[in-house]
Each structure stands twice: as structure tokens, then as C-alpha cells.
Amino acid sequence: LPPGDCVIVEFNGSGGYGDPLLREPELVA
């Protein structure tokens, strides 16, 4: 990591439970 360089660490959200199509739309909103 020379001077002037940078490292970006990104994380996704954790997985849910069950079929996402069964989640109430208002809860997704």
C-alpha cells in the first residue's frame, strides 16, 4: 500500500429467510 493508494472494503447485507417474493410489499417499501 504505497502512499496515495487506498483500499475499499465493501460488505453486502446478510441473507434473509424464505422466498423474498413472499415478503409483504409494504415491508419492502
mmCIF file of all heavy atoms, coordinates in Angstrom:
data_MODEL
# 
_entry.id   MODEL 
# 
loop_
_atom_site.group_PDB 
_atom_site.id 
_atom_site.type_symbol 
_atom_site.label_atom_id 
_atom_site.label_alt_id 
_atom_site.label_comp_id 
_atom_site.label_asym_id 
_atom_site.label_entity_id 
_atom_site.label_seq_id 
_atom_site.pdbx_PDB_ins_code 
_atom_site.Cartn_x 
_atom_site.Cartn_y 
_atom_site.Cartn_z 
_atom_site.occupancy 
_atom_site.B_iso_or_equiv 
_atom_site.pdbx_formal_charge 
_atom_site.auth_seq_id 
_atom_site.auth_comp_id 
_atom_site.auth_asym_id 
_atom_site.auth_atom_id 
_atom_site.pdbx_PDB_model_num 
ATOM 1   N N   . LEU A 1 1  ? 0.844   -1.190  0.000  1.00 0.00 ? 1  LEU A N   1 
ATOM 2   C CA  . LEU A 1 1  ? 0.000   0.000   0.000  1.00 0.00 ? 1  LEU A CA  1 
ATOM 3   C C   . LEU A 1 1  ? 0.886   1.249   0.000  1.00 0.00 ? 1  LEU A C   1 
ATOM 4   O O   . LEU A 1 1  ? 1.132   1.855   1.035  1.00 0.00 ? 1  LEU A O   1 
ATOM 5   C CB  . LEU A 1 1  ? -0.922  -0.009  1.215  1.00 0.00 ? 1  LEU A CB  1 
ATOM 6   C CG  . LEU A 1 1  ? -2.105  0.959   1.176  1.00 0.00 ? 1  LEU A CG  1 
ATOM 7   C CD1 . LEU A 1 1  ? -3.030  0.609   0.020  1.00 0.00 ? 1  LEU A CD1 1 
ATOM 8   C CD2 . LEU A 1 1  ? -2.876  0.920   2.492  1.00 0.00 ? 1  LEU A CD2 1 
ATOM 9   N N   . PRO A 1 2  ? 1.382   1.653   -1.170 1.00 0.00 ? 2  PRO A N   1 
ATOM 10  C CA  . PRO A 1 2  ? 2.242   2.841   -1.245 1.00 0.00 ? 2  PRO A CA  1 
ATOM 11  C C   . PRO A 1 2  ? 1.455   4.101   -0.871 1.00 0.00 ? 2  PRO A C   1 
ATOM 12  O O   . PRO A 1 2  ? 0.220   4.105   -0.893 1.00 0.00 ? 2  PRO A O   1 
ATOM 13  C CB  . PRO A 1 2  ? 2.664   2.877   -2.721 1.00 0.00 ? 2  PRO A CB  1 
ATOM 14  C CG  . PRO A 1 2  ? 2.350   1.520   -3.263 1.00 0.00 ? 2  PRO A CG  1 
ATOM 15  C CD  . PRO A 1 2  ? 1.197   1.015   -2.476 1.00 0.00 ? 2  PRO A CD  1 
ATOM 16  N N   . PRO A 1 3  ? 2.164   5.181   -0.541 1.00 0.00 ? 3  PRO A N   1 
ATOM 17  C CA  . PRO A 1 3  ? 1.491   6.450   -0.233 1.00 0.00 ? 3  PRO A CA  1 
ATOM 18  C C   . PRO A 1 3  ? 0.588   6.882   -1.391 1.00 0.00 ? 3  PRO A C   1 
ATOM 19  O O   . PRO A 1 3  ? 0.966   6.801   -2.558 1.00 0.00 ? 3  PRO A O   1 
ATOM 20  C CB  . PRO A 1 3  ? 2.648   7.428   -0.037 1.00 0.00 ? 3  PRO A CB  1 
ATOM 21  C CG  . PRO A 1 3  ? 3.798   6.567   0.378  1.00 0.00 ? 3  PRO A CG  1 
ATOM 22  C CD  . PRO A 1 3  ? 3.639   5.282   -0.379 1.00 0.00 ? 3  PRO A CD  1 
ATOM 23  N N   . GLY A 1 4  ? -0.616  7.302   -1.049 1.00 0.00 ? 4  GLY A N   1 
ATOM 24  C CA  . GLY A 1 4  ? -1.562  7.739   -2.063 1.00 0.00 ? 4  GLY A CA  1 
ATOM 25  C C   . GLY A 1 4  ? -2.516  6.671   -2.530 1.00 0.00 ? 4  GLY A C   1 
ATOM 26  O O   . GLY A 1 4  ? -3.523  6.972   -3.174 1.00 0.00 ? 4  GLY A O   1 
ATOM 27  N N   . ASP A 1 5  ? -2.222  5.409   -2.209 1.00 0.00 ? 5  ASP A N   1 
ATOM 28  C CA  . ASP A 1 5  ? -3.146  4.332   -2.568 1.00 0.00 ? 5  ASP A CA  1 
ATOM 29  C C   . ASP A 1 5  ? -4.229  4.203   -1.498 1.00 0.00 ? 5  ASP A C   1 
ATOM 30  O O   . ASP A 1 5  ? -4.084  4.675   -0.374 1.00 0.00 ? 5  ASP A O   1 
ATOM 31  C CB  . ASP A 1 5  ? -2.403  3.001   -2.693 1.00 0.00 ? 5  ASP A CB  1 
ATOM 32  C CG  . ASP A 1 5  ? -1.752  2.842   -4.060 1.00 0.00 ? 5  ASP A CG  1 
ATOM 33  O OD1 . ASP A 1 5  ? -1.735  3.832   -4.799 1.00 0.00 ? 5  ASP A OD1 1 
ATOM 34  O OD2 . ASP A 1 5  ? -1.264  1.742   -4.353 1.00 0.00 ? 5  ASP A OD2 1 
ATOM 35  N N   . CYS A 1 6  ? -5.296  3.513   -1.858 1.00 0.00 ? 6  CYS A N   1 
ATOM 36  C CA  . CYS A 1 6  ? -6.352  3.258   -0.880 1.00 0.00 ? 6  CYS A CA  1 
ATOM 37  C C   . CYS A 1 6  ? -6.955  1.887   -1.138 1.00 0.00 ? 6  CYS A C   1 
ATOM 38  O O   . CYS A 1 6  ? -6.856  1.345   -2.247 1.00 0.00 ? 6  CYS A O   1 
ATOM 39  C CB  . CYS A 1 6  ? -7.439  4.333   -0.948 1.00 0.00 ? 6  CYS A CB  1 
ATOM 40  S SG  . CYS A 1 6  ? -8.369  4.348   -2.495 1.00 0.00 ? 6  CYS A SG  1 
ATOM 41  N N   . VAL A 1 7  ? -7.548  1.329   -0.118 1.00 0.00 ? 7  VAL A N   1 
ATOM 42  C CA  . VAL A 1 7  ? -8.241  0.047   -0.221 1.00 0.00 ? 7  VAL A CA  1 
ATOM 43  C C   . VAL A 1 7  ? -9.679  0.262   0.236  1.00 0.00 ? 7  VAL A C   1 
ATOM 44  O O   . VAL A 1 7  ? -9.928  0.866   1.281  1.00 0.00 ? 7  VAL A O   1 
ATOM 45  C CB  . VAL A 1 7  ? -7.572  -1.036  0.650  1.00 0.00 ? 7  VAL A CB  1 
ATOM 46  C CG1 . VAL A 1 7  ? -8.406  -2.320  0.637  1.00 0.00 ? 7  VAL A CG1 1 
ATOM 47  C CG2 . VAL A 1 7  ? -6.167  -1.322  0.169  1.00 0.00 ? 7  VAL A CG2 1 
ATOM 48  N N   . ILE A 1 8  ? -10.606 -0.226  -0.551 1.00 0.00 ? 8  ILE A N   1 
ATOM 49  C CA  . ILE A 1 8  ? -12.020 -0.132  -0.198 1.00 0.00 ? 8  ILE A CA  1 
ATOM 50  C C   . ILE A 1 8  ? -12.519 -1.530  0.149  1.00 0.00 ? 8  ILE A C   1 
ATOM 51  O O   . ILE A 1 8  ? -12.343 -2.473  -0.633 1.00 0.00 ? 8  ILE A O   1 
ATOM 52  C CB  . ILE A 1 8  ? -12.850 0.440   -1.357 1.00 0.00 ? 8  ILE A CB  1 
ATOM 53  C CG1 . ILE A 1 8  ? -12.384 1.855   -1.695 1.00 0.00 ? 8  ILE A CG1 1 
ATOM 54  C CG2 . ILE A 1 8  ? -14.342 0.436   -1.025 1.00 0.00 ? 8  ILE A CG2 1 
ATOM 55  C CD1 . ILE A 1 8  ? -13.068 2.430   -2.906 1.00 0.00 ? 8  ILE A CD1 1 
ATOM 56  N N   . VAL A 1 9  ? -13.117 -1.674  1.304  1.00 0.00 ? 9  VAL A N   1 
ATOM 57  C CA  . VAL A 1 9  ? -13.697 -2.948  1.735  1.00 0.00 ? 9  VAL A CA  1 
ATOM 58  C C   . VAL A 1 9  ? -15.214 -2.768  1.774  1.00 0.00 ? 9  VAL A C   1 
ATOM 59  O O   . VAL A 1 9  ? -15.719 -1.882  2.466  1.00 0.00 ? 9  VAL A O   1 
ATOM 60  C CB  . VAL A 1 9  ? -13.175 -3.368  3.119  1.00 0.00 ? 9  VAL A CB  1 
ATOM 61  C CG1 . VAL A 1 9  ? -13.794 -4.686  3.534  1.00 0.00 ? 9  VAL A CG1 1 
ATOM 62  C CG2 . VAL A 1 9  ? -11.648 -3.473  3.098  1.00 0.00 ? 9  VAL A CG2 1 
ATOM 63  N N   . GLU A 1 10 ? -15.918 -3.598  1.028  1.00 0.00 ? 10 GLU A N   1 
ATOM 64  C CA  . GLU A 1 10 ? -17.374 -3.493  0.947  1.00 0.00 ? 10 GLU A CA  1 
ATOM 65  C C   . GLU A 1 10 ? -18.013 -4.793  1.399  1.00 0.00 ? 10 GLU A C   1 
ATOM 66  O O   . GLU A 1 10 ? -17.498 -5.880  1.135  1.00 0.00 ? 10 GLU A O   1 
ATOM 67  C CB  . GLU A 1 10 ? -17.805 -3.188  -0.485 1.00 0.00 ? 10 GLU A CB  1 
ATOM 68  C CG  . GLU A 1 10 ? -17.309 -1.840  -0.999 1.00 0.00 ? 10 GLU A CG  1 
ATOM 69  C CD  . GLU A 1 10 ? -17.635 -1.637  -2.466 1.00 0.00 ? 10 GLU A CD  1 
ATOM 70  O OE1 . GLU A 1 10 ? -17.427 -2.579  -3.249 1.00 0.00 ? 10 GLU A OE1 1 
ATOM 71  O OE2 . GLU A 1 10 ? -18.094 -0.550  -2.808 1.00 0.00 ? 10 GLU A OE2 1 
ATOM 72  N N   . PHE A 1 11 ? -19.142 -4.674  2.071  1.00 0.00 ? 11 PHE A N   1 
ATOM 73  C CA  . PHE A 1 11 ? -19.879 -5.843  2.537  1.00 0.00 ? 11 PHE A CA  1 
ATOM 74  C C   . PHE A 1 11 ? -21.327 -5.751  2.062  1.00 0.00 ? 11 PHE A C   1 
ATOM 75  O O   . PHE A 1 11 ? -21.910 -4.674  2.034  1.00 0.00 ? 11 PHE A O   1 
ATOM 76  C CB  . PHE A 1 11 ? -19.876 -5.921  4.071  1.00 0.00 ? 11 PHE A CB  1 
ATOM 77  C CG  . PHE A 1 11 ? -18.520 -6.155  4.665  1.00 0.00 ? 11 PHE A CG  1 
ATOM 78  C CD1 . PHE A 1 11 ? -17.728 -5.083  5.059  1.00 0.00 ? 11 PHE A CD1 1 
ATOM 79  C CD2 . PHE A 1 11 ? -18.039 -7.435  4.821  1.00 0.00 ? 11 PHE A CD2 1 
ATOM 80  C CE1 . PHE A 1 11 ? -16.472 -5.293  5.607  1.00 0.00 ? 11 PHE A CE1 1 
ATOM 81  C CE2 . PHE A 1 11 ? -16.781 -7.651  5.366  1.00 0.00 ? 11 PHE A CE2 1 
ATOM 82  C CZ  . PHE A 1 11 ? -15.995 -6.585  5.763  1.00 0.00 ? 11 PHE A CZ  1 
ATOM 83  N N   . ASN A 1 12 ? -21.867 -6.894  1.683  1.00 0.00 ? 12 ASN A N   1 
ATOM 84  C CA  . ASN A 1 12 ? -23.292 -6.930  1.369  1.00 0.00 ? 12 ASN A CA  1 
ATOM 85  C C   . ASN A 1 12 ? -24.075 -7.222  2.646  1.00 0.00 ? 12 ASN A C   1 
ATOM 86  O O   . ASN A 1 12 ? -23.524 -7.645  3.657  1.00 0.00 ? 12 ASN A O   1 
ATOM 87  C CB  . ASN A 1 12 ? -23.577 -8.009  0.322  1.00 0.00 ? 12 ASN A CB  1 
ATOM 88  C CG  . ASN A 1 12 ? -23.141 -9.379  0.785  1.00 0.00 ? 12 ASN A CG  1 
ATOM 89  O OD1 . ASN A 1 12 ? -22.023 -9.554  1.237  1.00 0.00 ? 12 ASN A OD1 1 
ATOM 90  N ND2 . ASN A 1 12 ? -24.013 -10.359 0.664  1.00 0.00 ? 12 ASN A ND2 1 
ATOM 91  N N   . GLY A 1 13 ? -25.368 -7.006  2.601  1.00 0.00 ? 13 GLY A N   1 
ATOM 92  C CA  . GLY A 1 13 ? -26.216 -7.341  3.739  1.00 0.00 ? 13 GLY A CA  1 
ATOM 93  C C   . GLY A 1 13 ? -26.333 -8.848  3.892  1.00 0.00 ? 13 GLY A C   1 
ATOM 94  O O   . GLY A 1 13 ? -26.061 -9.616  2.969  1.00 0.00 ? 13 GLY A O   1 
ATOM 95  N N   . SER A 1 14 ? -26.743 -9.287  5.048  1.00 0.00 ? 14 SER A N   1 
ATOM 96  C CA  . SER A 1 14 ? -26.893 -10.724 5.285  1.00 0.00 ? 14 SER A CA  1 
ATOM 97  C C   . SER A 1 14 ? -28.106 -11.260 4.529  1.00 0.00 ? 14 SER A C   1 
ATOM 98  O O   . SER A 1 14 ? -29.003 -10.507 4.144  1.00 0.00 ? 14 SER A O   1 
ATOM 99  C CB  . SER A 1 14 ? -27.066 -10.982 6.783  1.00 0.00 ? 14 SER A CB  1 
ATOM 100 O OG  . SER A 1 14 ? -28.219 -10.323 7.273  1.00 0.00 ? 14 SER A OG  1 
ATOM 101 N N   . GLY A 1 15 ? -28.121 -12.546 4.297  1.00 0.00 ? 15 GLY A N   1 
ATOM 102 C CA  . GLY A 1 15 ? -29.232 -13.168 3.592  1.00 0.00 ? 15 GLY A CA  1 
ATOM 103 C C   . GLY A 1 15 ? -30.483 -13.197 4.447  1.00 0.00 ? 15 GLY A C   1 
ATOM 104 O O   . GLY A 1 15 ? -30.418 -13.205 5.677  1.00 0.00 ? 15 GLY A O   1 
ATOM 105 N N   . GLY A 1 16 ? -31.621 -13.234 3.800  1.00 0.00 ? 16 GLY A N   1 
ATOM 106 C CA  . GLY A 1 16 ? -32.883 -13.319 4.517  1.00 0.00 ? 16 GLY A CA  1 
ATOM 107 C C   . GLY A 1 16 ? -33.314 -14.762 4.700  1.00 0.00 ? 16 GLY A C   1 
ATOM 108 O O   . GLY A 1 16 ? -32.542 -15.692 4.486  1.00 0.00 ? 16 GLY A O   1 
ATOM 109 N N   . TYR A 1 17 ? -34.565 -14.943 5.096  1.00 0.00 ? 17 TYR A N   1 
ATOM 110 C CA  . TYR A 1 17 ? -35.103 -16.285 5.338  1.00 0.00 ? 17 TYR A CA  1 
ATOM 111 C C   . TYR A 1 17 ? -36.342 -16.471 4.479  1.00 0.00 ? 17 TYR A C   1 
ATOM 112 O O   . TYR A 1 17 ? -37.264 -15.651 4.520  1.00 0.00 ? 17 TYR A O   1 
ATOM 113 C CB  . TYR A 1 17 ? -35.458 -16.458 6.813  1.00 0.00 ? 17 TYR A CB  1 
ATOM 114 C CG  . TYR A 1 17 ? -35.962 -17.835 7.168  1.00 0.00 ? 17 TYR A CG  1 
ATOM 115 C CD1 . TYR A 1 17 ? -35.072 -18.884 7.389  1.00 0.00 ? 17 TYR A CD1 1 
ATOM 116 C CD2 . TYR A 1 17 ? -37.326 -18.094 7.259  1.00 0.00 ? 17 TYR A CD2 1 
ATOM 117 C CE1 . TYR A 1 17 ? -35.536 -20.152 7.698  1.00 0.00 ? 17 TYR A CE1 1 
ATOM 118 C CE2 . TYR A 1 17 ? -37.792 -19.359 7.563  1.00 0.00 ? 17 TYR A CE2 1 
ATOM 119 C CZ  . TYR A 1 17 ? -36.892 -20.381 7.785  1.00 0.00 ? 17 TYR A CZ  1 
ATOM 120 O OH  . TYR A 1 17 ? -37.351 -21.635 8.083  1.00 0.00 ? 17 TYR A OH  1 
ATOM 121 N N   . GLY A 1 18 ? -36.371 -17.525 3.714  1.00 0.00 ? 18 GLY A N   1 
ATOM 122 C CA  . GLY A 1 18 ? -37.533 -17.806 2.888  1.00 0.00 ? 18 GLY A CA  1 
ATOM 123 C C   . GLY A 1 18 ? -37.476 -17.112 1.534  1.00 0.00 ? 18 GLY A C   1 
ATOM 124 O O   . GLY A 1 18 ? -36.470 -16.512 1.155  1.00 0.00 ? 18 GLY A O   1 
ATOM 125 N N   . ASP A 1 19 ? -38.577 -17.206 0.816  1.00 0.00 ? 19 ASP A N   1 
ATOM 126 C CA  . ASP A 1 19 ? -38.669 -16.643 -0.525 1.00 0.00 ? 19 ASP A CA  1 
ATOM 127 C C   . ASP A 1 19 ? -38.905 -15.138 -0.438 1.00 0.00 ? 19 ASP A C   1 
ATOM 128 O O   . ASP A 1 19 ? -39.901 -14.703 0.154  1.00 0.00 ? 19 ASP A O   1 
ATOM 129 C CB  . ASP A 1 19 ? -39.831 -17.313 -1.263 1.00 0.00 ? 19 ASP A CB  1 
ATOM 130 C CG  . ASP A 1 19 ? -39.915 -16.911 -2.725 1.00 0.00 ? 19 ASP A CG  1 
ATOM 131 O OD1 . ASP A 1 19 ? -39.256 -15.925 -3.118 1.00 0.00 ? 19 ASP A OD1 1 
ATOM 132 O OD2 . ASP A 1 19 ? -40.632 -17.597 -3.474 1.00 0.00 ? 19 ASP A OD2 1 
ATOM 133 N N   . PRO A 1 20 ? -38.033 -14.314 -1.032 1.00 0.00 ? 20 PRO A N   1 
ATOM 134 C CA  . PRO A 1 20 ? -38.246 -12.868 -0.961 1.00 0.00 ? 20 PRO A CA  1 
ATOM 135 C C   . PRO A 1 20 ? -39.550 -12.414 -1.613 1.00 0.00 ? 20 PRO A C   1 
ATOM 136 O O   . PRO A 1 20 ? -40.068 -11.350 -1.275 1.00 0.00 ? 20 PRO A O   1 
ATOM 137 C CB  . PRO A 1 20 ? -37.023 -12.284 -1.681 1.00 0.00 ? 20 PRO A CB  1 
ATOM 138 C CG  . PRO A 1 20 ? -36.454 -13.406 -2.480 1.00 0.00 ? 20 PRO A CG  1 
ATOM 139 C CD  . PRO A 1 20 ? -36.772 -14.646 -1.725 1.00 0.00 ? 20 PRO A CD  1 
ATOM 140 N N   . LEU A 1 21 ? -40.099 -13.221 -2.532 1.00 0.00 ? 21 LEU A N   1 
ATOM 141 C CA  . LEU A 1 21 ? -41.360 -12.836 -3.163 1.00 0.00 ? 21 LEU A CA  1 
ATOM 142 C C   . LEU A 1 21 ? -42.541 -12.943 -2.201 1.00 0.00 ? 21 LEU A C   1 
ATOM 143 O O   . LEU A 1 21 ? -43.631 -12.434 -2.494 1.00 0.00 ? 21 LEU A O   1 
ATOM 144 C CB  . LEU A 1 21 ? -41.641 -13.708 -4.392 1.00 0.00 ? 21 LEU A CB  1 
ATOM 145 C CG  . LEU A 1 21 ? -40.682 -13.585 -5.570 1.00 0.00 ? 21 LEU A CG  1 
ATOM 146 C CD1 . LEU A 1 21 ? -41.244 -14.317 -6.781 1.00 0.00 ? 21 LEU A CD1 1 
ATOM 147 C CD2 . LEU A 1 21 ? -40.402 -12.137 -5.917 1.00 0.00 ? 21 LEU A CD2 1 
ATOM 148 N N   . LEU A 1 22 ? -42.336 -13.599 -1.063 1.00 0.00 ? 22 LEU A N   1 
ATOM 149 C CA  . LEU A 1 22 ? -43.418 -13.730 -0.094 1.00 0.00 ? 22 LEU A CA  1 
ATOM 150 C C   . LEU A 1 22 ? -43.380 -12.632 0.970  1.00 0.00 ? 22 LEU A C   1 
ATOM 151 O O   . LEU A 1 22 ? -44.244 -12.579 1.837  1.00 0.00 ? 22 LEU A O   1 
ATOM 152 C CB  . LEU A 1 22 ? -43.346 -15.103 0.589  1.00 0.00 ? 22 LEU A CB  1 
ATOM 153 C CG  . LEU A 1 22 ? -43.478 -16.312 -0.351 1.00 0.00 ? 22 LEU A CG  1 
ATOM 154 C CD1 . LEU A 1 22 ? -43.425 -17.617 0.450  1.00 0.00 ? 22 LEU A CD1 1 
ATOM 155 C CD2 . LEU A 1 22 ? -44.766 -16.237 -1.172 1.00 0.00 ? 22 LEU A CD2 1 
ATOM 156 N N   . ARG A 1 23 ? -42.394 -11.756 0.890  1.00 0.00 ? 23 ARG A N   1 
ATOM 157 C CA  . ARG A 1 23 ? -42.339 -10.648 1.845  1.00 0.00 ? 23 ARG A CA  1 
ATOM 158 C C   . ARG A 1 23 ? -43.383 -9.601  1.469  1.00 0.00 ? 23 ARG A C   1 
ATOM 159 O O   . ARG A 1 23 ? -43.555 -9.272  0.295  1.00 0.00 ? 23 ARG A O   1 
ATOM 160 C CB  . ARG A 1 23 ? -40.953 -10.012 1.866  1.00 0.00 ? 23 ARG A CB  1 
ATOM 161 C CG  . ARG A 1 23 ? -40.784 -8.916  2.930  1.00 0.00 ? 23 ARG A CG  1 
ATOM 162 C CD  . ARG A 1 23 ? -39.318 -8.643  3.187  1.00 0.00 ? 23 ARG A CD  1 
ATOM 163 N NE  . ARG A 1 23 ? -39.083 -7.503  4.069  1.00 0.00 ? 23 ARG A NE  1 
ATOM 164 C CZ  . ARG A 1 23 ? -39.213 -7.500  5.393  1.00 0.00 ? 23 ARG A CZ  1 
ATOM 165 N NH1 . ARG A 1 23 ? -39.593 -8.626  6.007  1.00 0.00 ? 23 ARG A NH1 1 
ATOM 166 N NH2 . ARG A 1 23 ? -38.960 -6.434  6.106  1.00 0.00 ? 23 ARG A NH2 1 
ATOM 167 N N   . GLU A 1 24 ? -44.068 -9.085  2.487  1.00 0.00 ? 24 GLU A N   1 
ATOM 168 C CA  . GLU A 1 24 ? -45.101 -8.076  2.246  1.00 0.00 ? 24 GLU A CA  1 
ATOM 169 C C   . GLU A 1 24 ? -44.496 -6.859  1.545  1.00 0.00 ? 24 GLU A C   1 
ATOM 170 O O   . GLU A 1 24 ? -43.489 -6.313  2.009  1.00 0.00 ? 24 GLU A O   1 
ATOM 171 C CB  . GLU A 1 24 ? -45.730 -7.653  3.567  1.00 0.00 ? 24 GLU A CB  1 
ATOM 172 C CG  . GLU A 1 24 ? -46.598 -8.717  4.222  1.00 0.00 ? 24 GLU A CG  1 
ATOM 173 C CD  . GLU A 1 24 ? -47.877 -8.955  3.437  1.00 0.00 ? 24 GLU A CD  1 
ATOM 174 O OE1 . GLU A 1 24 ? -48.272 -8.080  2.649  1.00 0.00 ? 24 GLU A OE1 1 
ATOM 175 O OE2 . GLU A 1 24 ? -48.467 -10.038 3.603  1.00 0.00 ? 24 GLU A OE2 1 
ATOM 176 N N   . PRO A 1 25 ? -45.085 -6.421  0.436  1.00 0.00 ? 25 PRO A N   1 
ATOM 177 C CA  . PRO A 1 25 ? -44.541 -5.260  -0.281 1.00 0.00 ? 25 PRO A CA  1 
ATOM 178 C C   . PRO A 1 25 ? -44.372 -4.030  0.597  1.00 0.00 ? 25 PRO A C   1 
ATOM 179 O O   . PRO A 1 25 ? -43.393 -3.283  0.433  1.00 0.00 ? 25 PRO A O   1 
ATOM 180 C CB  . PRO A 1 25 ? -45.574 -5.030  -1.393 1.00 0.00 ? 25 PRO A CB  1 
ATOM 181 C CG  . PRO A 1 25 ? -46.151 -6.387  -1.650 1.00 0.00 ? 25 PRO A CG  1 
ATOM 182 C CD  . PRO A 1 25 ? -46.216 -7.040  -0.295 1.00 0.00 ? 25 PRO A CD  1 
ATOM 183 N N   . GLU A 1 26 ? -45.299 -3.781  1.514  1.00 0.00 ? 26 GLU A N   1 
ATOM 184 C CA  . GLU A 1 26 ? -45.187 -2.604  2.365  1.00 0.00 ? 26 GLU A CA  1 
ATOM 185 C C   . GLU A 1 26 ? -43.958 -2.688  3.273  1.00 0.00 ? 26 GLU A C   1 
ATOM 186 O O   . GLU A 1 26 ? -43.359 -1.657  3.606  1.00 0.00 ? 26 GLU A O   1 
ATOM 187 C CB  . GLU A 1 26 ? -46.452 -2.429  3.210  1.00 0.00 ? 26 GLU A CB  1 
ATOM 188 C CG  . GLU A 1 26 ? -47.674 -1.999  2.410  1.00 0.00 ? 26 GLU A CG  1 
ATOM 189 C CD  . GLU A 1 26 ? -47.482 -0.648  1.730  1.00 0.00 ? 26 GLU A CD  1 
ATOM 190 O OE1 . GLU A 1 26 ? -46.663 0.169   2.225  1.00 0.00 ? 26 GLU A OE1 1 
ATOM 191 O OE2 . GLU A 1 26 ? -48.142 -0.407  0.700  1.00 0.00 ? 26 GLU A OE2 1 
ATOM 192 N N   . LEU A 1 27 ? -43.579 -3.893  3.666  1.00 0.00 ? 27 LEU A N   1 
ATOM 193 C CA  . LEU A 1 27 ? -42.374 -4.059  4.487  1.00 0.00 ? 27 LEU A CA  1 
ATOM 194 C C   . LEU A 1 27 ? -41.124 -3.797  3.659  1.00 0.00 ? 27 LEU A C   1 
ATOM 195 O O   . LEU A 1 27 ? -40.142 -3.246  4.160  1.00 0.00 ? 27 LEU A O   1 
ATOM 196 C CB  . LEU A 1 27 ? -42.332 -5.453  5.108  1.00 0.00 ? 27 LEU A CB  1 
ATOM 197 C CG  . LEU A 1 27 ? -43.456 -5.781  6.098  1.00 0.00 ? 27 LEU A CG  1 
ATOM 198 C CD1 . LEU A 1 27 ? -43.288 -7.198  6.643  1.00 0.00 ? 27 LEU A CD1 1 
ATOM 199 C CD2 . LEU A 1 27 ? -43.487 -4.771  7.241  1.00 0.00 ? 27 LEU A CD2 1 
ATOM 200 N N   . VAL A 1 28 ? -41.158 -4.196  2.386  1.00 0.00 ? 28 VAL A N   1 
ATOM 201 C CA  . VAL A 1 28 ? -40.034 -3.896  1.498  1.00 0.00 ? 28 VAL A CA  1 
ATOM 202 C C   . VAL A 1 28 ? -39.926 -2.387  1.298  1.00 0.00 ? 28 VAL A C   1 
ATOM 203 O O   . VAL A 1 28 ? -38.828 -1.814  1.322  1.00 0.00 ? 28 VAL A O   1 
ATOM 204 C CB  . VAL A 1 28 ? -40.189 -4.613  0.145  1.00 0.00 ? 28 VAL A CB  1 
ATOM 205 C CG1 . VAL A 1 28 ? -39.039 -4.245  -0.795 1.00 0.00 ? 28 VAL A CG1 1 
ATOM 206 C CG2 . VAL A 1 28 ? -40.235 -6.127  0.342  1.00 0.00 ? 28 VAL A CG2 1 
ATOM 207 N N   . ALA A 1 29 ? -41.073 -1.733  1.121  1.00 0.00 ? 29 ALA A N   1 
ATOM 208 C CA  . ALA A 1 29 ? -41.067 -0.270  0.955  1.00 0.00 ? 29 ALA A CA  1 
ATOM 209 C C   . ALA A 1 29 ? -40.492 0.401   2.195  1.00 0.00 ? 29 ALA A C   1 
ATOM 210 O O   . ALA A 1 29 ? -39.734 1.377   2.093  1.00 0.00 ? 29 ALA A O   1 
ATOM 211 C CB  . ALA A 1 29 ? -42.481 0.225   0.690  1.00 0.00 ? 29 ALA A CB  1 
# 
